[in-house]
Amino acid sequence: MGKFQEIVASSTPTLVDFYATWCGPCKMMHPVLDQLKNDLAETVRILKIDVDKNPDVADKFKIRGVPTFVLFKNGEILWRQSGGMDLATLKSKIKSAI
């Protein structure tokens, strides 16, 4: 969890995608996140966390469903939402939070 804490403590906003390999909606979010990475590469870092491989991190942030997106800056949670969403909605949520 040390490296994770270091990344989300950064002043660069970090969108964490808590996902699982068996999750259909998570798979549908891959192209959306790829496009988001292209569009907001200068302003937001994207970190993907597999909840099955990182149960300690998932427990710490009380992740109960996947996908769950959490936006961090300076170690603080700016925004959090569960479920899939389209690119425009996700981008709008991130921009309004930062």
N, C-alpha and C. Protein backbone atom coordinates (compact mmCIF):
# COMPACT_ATOMS: atom_id res chain seq x y z
N MET A 1 0.83 -1.19 0.00
CA MET A 1 0.00 0.00 0.00
C MET A 1 0.87 1.25 0.00
N GLY A 2 2.15 1.15 0.29
CA GLY A 2 3.04 2.30 0.34
C GLY A 2 3.10 3.06 -0.96
N LYS A 3 3.30 2.36 -2.05
CA LYS A 3 3.39 2.99 -3.37
C LYS A 3 2.06 3.65 -3.74
N PHE A 4 0.95 2.98 -3.42
CA PHE A 4 -0.38 3.53 -3.69
C PHE A 4 -0.54 4.85 -2.94
N GLN A 5 -0.22 4.87 -1.65
CA GLN A 5 -0.34 6.08 -0.84
C GLN A 5 0.51 7.21 -1.41
N GLU A 6 1.69 6.85 -1.87
CA GLU A 6 2.60 7.84 -2.45
C GLU A 6 1.98 8.46 -3.71
N ILE A 7 1.38 7.64 -4.55
CA ILE A 7 0.78 8.12 -5.80
C ILE A 7 -0.41 9.03 -5.52
N VAL A 8 -1.34 8.60 -4.64
CA VAL A 8 -2.54 9.41 -4.41
C VAL A 8 -2.25 10.64 -3.55
N ALA A 9 -1.11 10.68 -2.89
CA ALA A 9 -0.73 11.86 -2.10
C ALA A 9 -0.16 12.97 -2.99
N SER A 10 0.05 12.68 -4.24
CA SER A 10 0.61 13.63 -5.19
C SER A 10 -0.32 14.82 -5.41
N SER A 11 0.27 15.94 -5.81
CA SER A 11 -0.55 17.11 -6.14
C SER A 11 -1.20 16.96 -7.51
N THR A 12 -0.76 15.97 -8.29
CA THR A 12 -1.41 15.66 -9.57
C THR A 12 -2.67 14.85 -9.27
N PRO A 13 -3.84 15.30 -9.72
CA PRO A 13 -5.06 14.53 -9.48
C PRO A 13 -4.90 13.11 -10.06
N THR A 14 -5.31 12.12 -9.28
CA THR A 14 -5.19 10.72 -9.68
C THR A 14 -6.56 10.06 -9.62
N LEU A 15 -7.02 9.57 -10.77
CA LEU A 15 -8.27 8.83 -10.84
C LEU A 15 -7.93 7.36 -10.65
N VAL A 16 -8.48 6.76 -9.59
CA VAL A 16 -8.25 5.34 -9.34
C VAL A 16 -9.48 4.58 -9.79
N ASP A 17 -9.24 3.61 -10.67
CA ASP A 17 -10.29 2.73 -11.17
C ASP A 17 -10.16 1.41 -10.42
N PHE A 18 -11.06 1.17 -9.46
CA PHE A 18 -11.11 -0.11 -8.76
C PHE A 18 -11.96 -1.04 -9.62
N TYR A 19 -11.35 -2.12 -10.10
CA TYR A 19 -12.02 -3.00 -11.05
C TYR A 19 -11.73 -4.47 -10.70
N ALA A 20 -12.38 -5.36 -11.45
CA ALA A 20 -12.10 -6.79 -11.35
C ALA A 20 -12.10 -7.36 -12.77
N THR A 21 -11.26 -8.35 -13.00
CA THR A 21 -11.13 -8.92 -14.35
C THR A 21 -12.42 -9.61 -14.80
N TRP A 22 -13.23 -10.10 -13.88
CA TRP A 22 -14.46 -10.82 -14.22
C TRP A 22 -15.66 -9.89 -14.40
N CYS A 23 -15.47 -8.59 -14.21
CA CYS A 23 -16.57 -7.61 -14.21
C CYS A 23 -16.85 -7.08 -15.62
N GLY A 24 -18.04 -7.34 -16.13
CA GLY A 24 -18.43 -6.87 -17.46
C GLY A 24 -18.39 -5.35 -17.61
N PRO A 25 -19.06 -4.60 -16.69
CA PRO A 25 -19.00 -3.14 -16.80
C PRO A 25 -17.57 -2.59 -16.71
N CYS A 26 -16.70 -3.27 -15.96
CA CYS A 26 -15.30 -2.83 -15.87
C CYS A 26 -14.63 -2.94 -17.24
N LYS A 27 -14.90 -4.04 -17.94
CA LYS A 27 -14.33 -4.24 -19.27
C LYS A 27 -14.82 -3.17 -20.25
N MET A 28 -16.09 -2.78 -20.09
CA MET A 28 -16.66 -1.76 -20.97
C MET A 28 -16.02 -0.38 -20.70
N MET A 29 -15.45 -0.20 -19.52
CA MET A 29 -14.82 1.08 -19.17
C MET A 29 -13.41 1.22 -19.74
N HIS A 30 -12.77 0.12 -20.15
CA HIS A 30 -11.40 0.19 -20.67
C HIS A 30 -11.23 1.21 -21.80
N PRO A 31 -12.06 1.15 -22.86
CA PRO A 31 -11.87 2.14 -23.94
C PRO A 31 -12.17 3.57 -23.47
N VAL A 32 -13.11 3.72 -22.55
CA VAL A 32 -13.43 5.05 -22.02
C VAL A 32 -12.22 5.61 -21.28
N LEU A 33 -11.60 4.78 -20.46
CA LEU A 33 -10.43 5.21 -19.70
C LEU A 33 -9.24 5.48 -20.61
N ASP A 34 -9.09 4.69 -21.66
CA ASP A 34 -8.02 4.94 -22.63
C ASP A 34 -8.20 6.30 -23.29
N GLN A 35 -9.43 6.62 -23.68
CA GLN A 35 -9.71 7.91 -24.30
C GLN A 35 -9.50 9.04 -23.29
N LEU A 36 -9.94 8.82 -22.06
CA LEU A 36 -9.76 9.81 -21.00
C LEU A 36 -8.28 10.10 -20.79
N LYS A 37 -7.49 9.04 -20.81
CA LYS A 37 -6.04 9.19 -20.64
C LYS A 37 -5.47 10.07 -21.76
N ASN A 38 -5.93 9.84 -22.99
CA ASN A 38 -5.48 10.66 -24.13
C ASN A 38 -5.92 12.12 -23.98
N ASP A 39 -7.16 12.32 -23.54
CA ASP A 39 -7.73 13.66 -23.46
C ASP A 39 -7.18 14.48 -22.29
N LEU A 40 -6.94 13.83 -21.16
CA LEU A 40 -6.56 14.56 -19.95
C LEU A 40 -5.16 14.20 -19.45
N ALA A 41 -4.32 13.69 -20.32
CA ALA A 41 -2.99 13.22 -19.93
C ALA A 41 -2.18 14.28 -19.18
N GLU A 42 -2.38 15.53 -19.51
CA GLU A 42 -1.61 16.60 -18.88
C GLU A 42 -2.12 16.93 -17.49
N THR A 43 -3.37 16.58 -17.18
CA THR A 43 -3.95 17.03 -15.92
C THR A 43 -4.29 15.93 -14.92
N VAL A 44 -4.51 14.71 -15.39
CA VAL A 44 -4.95 13.64 -14.50
C VAL A 44 -4.17 12.36 -14.77
N ARG A 45 -3.75 11.71 -13.71
CA ARG A 45 -3.12 10.39 -13.80
C ARG A 45 -4.21 9.35 -13.55
N ILE A 46 -4.14 8.23 -14.24
CA ILE A 46 -5.12 7.15 -14.06
C ILE A 46 -4.40 5.93 -13.53
N LEU A 47 -4.94 5.38 -12.46
CA LEU A 47 -4.37 4.20 -11.81
C LEU A 47 -5.45 3.14 -11.71
N LYS A 48 -5.15 1.95 -12.21
CA LYS A 48 -6.11 0.84 -12.16
C LYS A 48 -5.71 -0.10 -11.03
N ILE A 49 -6.67 -0.43 -10.17
CA ILE A 49 -6.43 -1.33 -9.04
C ILE A 49 -7.39 -2.52 -9.15
N ASP A 50 -6.83 -3.71 -9.31
CA ASP A 50 -7.62 -4.94 -9.35
C ASP A 50 -7.96 -5.29 -7.90
N VAL A 51 -9.26 -5.26 -7.56
CA VAL A 51 -9.67 -5.48 -6.17
C VAL A 51 -9.37 -6.89 -5.68
N ASP A 52 -9.30 -7.85 -6.60
CA ASP A 52 -9.00 -9.22 -6.21
C ASP A 52 -7.52 -9.39 -5.86
N LYS A 53 -6.65 -8.61 -6.49
CA LYS A 53 -5.22 -8.69 -6.22
C LYS A 53 -4.77 -7.72 -5.12
N ASN A 54 -5.62 -6.74 -4.81
CA ASN A 54 -5.30 -5.71 -3.81
C ASN A 54 -6.44 -5.54 -2.81
N PRO A 55 -6.81 -6.62 -2.11
CA PRO A 55 -7.95 -6.52 -1.19
C PRO A 55 -7.73 -5.53 -0.05
N ASP A 56 -6.49 -5.33 0.37
CA ASP A 56 -6.22 -4.39 1.46
C ASP A 56 -6.57 -2.96 1.06
N VAL A 57 -6.23 -2.58 -0.16
CA VAL A 57 -6.55 -1.23 -0.65
C VAL A 57 -8.06 -1.09 -0.83
N ALA A 58 -8.69 -2.12 -1.39
CA ALA A 58 -10.14 -2.09 -1.60
C ALA A 58 -10.87 -1.98 -0.26
N ASP A 59 -10.41 -2.71 0.75
CA ASP A 59 -11.03 -2.65 2.07
C ASP A 59 -10.85 -1.28 2.71
N LYS A 60 -9.66 -0.74 2.58
CA LYS A 60 -9.38 0.58 3.18
C LYS A 60 -10.34 1.65 2.68
N PHE A 61 -10.69 1.58 1.40
CA PHE A 61 -11.58 2.58 0.81
C PHE A 61 -13.02 2.08 0.68
N LYS A 62 -13.32 0.97 1.36
CA LYS A 62 -14.68 0.42 1.42
C LYS A 62 -15.30 0.25 0.04
N ILE A 63 -14.53 -0.36 -0.85
CA ILE A 63 -15.02 -0.64 -2.20
C ILE A 63 -15.94 -1.86 -2.12
N ARG A 64 -17.21 -1.66 -2.42
CA ARG A 64 -18.20 -2.73 -2.32
C ARG A 64 -18.67 -3.22 -3.68
N GLY A 65 -18.46 -2.41 -4.71
CA GLY A 65 -18.87 -2.78 -6.06
C GLY A 65 -17.85 -2.27 -7.05
N VAL A 66 -17.78 -2.94 -8.18
CA VAL A 66 -16.86 -2.52 -9.22
C VAL A 66 -17.63 -2.31 -10.52
N PRO A 67 -17.24 -1.38 -11.35
CA PRO A 67 -16.13 -0.46 -11.12
C PRO A 67 -16.51 0.65 -10.14
N THR A 68 -15.54 1.09 -9.37
CA THR A 68 -15.68 2.27 -8.53
C THR A 68 -14.52 3.19 -8.87
N PHE A 69 -14.85 4.44 -9.09
CA PHE A 69 -13.84 5.45 -9.42
C PHE A 69 -13.69 6.40 -8.24
N VAL A 70 -12.43 6.64 -7.87
CA VAL A 70 -12.14 7.57 -6.78
C VAL A 70 -11.07 8.54 -7.29
N LEU A 71 -11.35 9.82 -7.17
CA LEU A 71 -10.41 10.85 -7.61
C LEU A 71 -9.71 11.43 -6.38
N PHE A 72 -8.38 11.31 -6.36
CA PHE A 72 -7.57 11.80 -5.25
C PHE A 72 -6.73 12.99 -5.69
N LYS A 73 -6.43 13.86 -4.74
CA LYS A 73 -5.43 14.91 -4.92
C LYS A 73 -4.88 15.23 -3.54
N ASN A 74 -3.57 15.24 -3.42
CA ASN A 74 -2.91 15.49 -2.13
C ASN A 74 -3.42 14.53 -1.04
N GLY A 75 -3.73 13.30 -1.42
CA GLY A 75 -4.18 12.29 -0.46
C GLY A 75 -5.64 12.41 -0.06
N GLU A 76 -6.33 13.41 -0.55
CA GLU A 76 -7.74 13.62 -0.22
C GLU A 76 -8.63 13.11 -1.34
N ILE A 77 -9.80 12.60 -0.97
CA ILE A 77 -10.78 12.15 -1.97
C ILE A 77 -11.58 13.37 -2.42
N LEU A 78 -11.52 13.66 -3.72
CA LEU A 78 -12.27 14.78 -4.28
C LEU A 78 -13.65 14.35 -4.78
N TRP A 79 -13.73 13.10 -5.25
CA TRP A 79 -14.97 12.60 -5.86
C TRP A 79 -14.91 11.09 -5.89
N ARG A 80 -16.08 10.46 -5.78
CA ARG A 80 -16.16 9.01 -5.81
C ARG A 80 -17.50 8.60 -6.40
N GLN A 81 -17.47 7.58 -7.26
CA GLN A 81 -18.72 7.07 -7.84
C GLN A 81 -18.53 5.63 -8.29
N SER A 82 -19.56 4.83 -8.09
CA SER A 82 -19.54 3.44 -8.56
C SER A 82 -20.36 3.32 -9.83
N GLY A 83 -19.99 2.33 -10.64
CA GLY A 83 -20.73 2.05 -11.86
C GLY A 83 -20.07 2.63 -13.10
N GLY A 84 -20.41 2.06 -14.23
CA GLY A 84 -19.87 2.53 -15.49
C GLY A 84 -20.50 3.85 -15.89
N MET A 85 -19.79 4.60 -16.73
CA MET A 85 -20.33 5.86 -17.25
C MET A 85 -19.65 6.17 -18.57
N ASP A 86 -20.27 7.07 -19.32
CA ASP A 86 -19.68 7.43 -20.61
C ASP A 86 -18.56 8.44 -20.42
N LEU A 87 -17.79 8.63 -21.47
CA LEU A 87 -16.62 9.51 -21.42
C LEU A 87 -16.99 10.93 -21.01
N ALA A 88 -18.03 11.48 -21.62
CA ALA A 88 -18.41 12.87 -21.33
C ALA A 88 -18.76 13.05 -19.86
N THR A 89 -19.49 12.11 -19.29
CA THR A 89 -19.89 12.19 -17.88
C THR A 89 -18.66 12.09 -16.98
N LEU A 90 -17.81 11.13 -17.25
CA LEU A 90 -16.62 10.94 -16.44
C LEU A 90 -15.72 12.17 -16.51
N LYS A 91 -15.50 12.67 -17.70
CA LYS A 91 -14.65 13.86 -17.89
C LYS A 91 -15.24 15.06 -17.13
N SER A 92 -16.55 15.24 -17.23
CA SER A 92 -17.23 16.35 -16.56
C SER A 92 -17.08 16.24 -15.04
N LYS A 93 -17.24 15.05 -14.50
CA LYS A 93 -17.11 14.84 -13.04
C LYS A 93 -15.70 15.19 -12.58
N ILE A 94 -14.71 14.74 -13.34
CA ILE A 94 -13.31 15.00 -12.98
C ILE A 94 -13.01 16.50 -13.06
N LYS A 95 -13.41 17.13 -14.14
CA LYS A 95 -13.12 18.56 -14.31
C LYS A 95 -13.78 19.39 -13.23
N SER A 96 -15.01 19.04 -12.84
CA SER A 96 -15.69 19.83 -11.81
C SER A 96 -15.06 19.60 -10.44
N ALA A 97 -14.47 18.43 -10.23
CA ALA A 97 -13.83 18.13 -8.94
C ALA A 97 -12.48 18.80 -8.78
N ILE A 98 -11.77 18.96 -9.91
CA ILE A 98 -10.44 19.56 -9.81
C ILE A 98 -10.51 21.02 -10.19
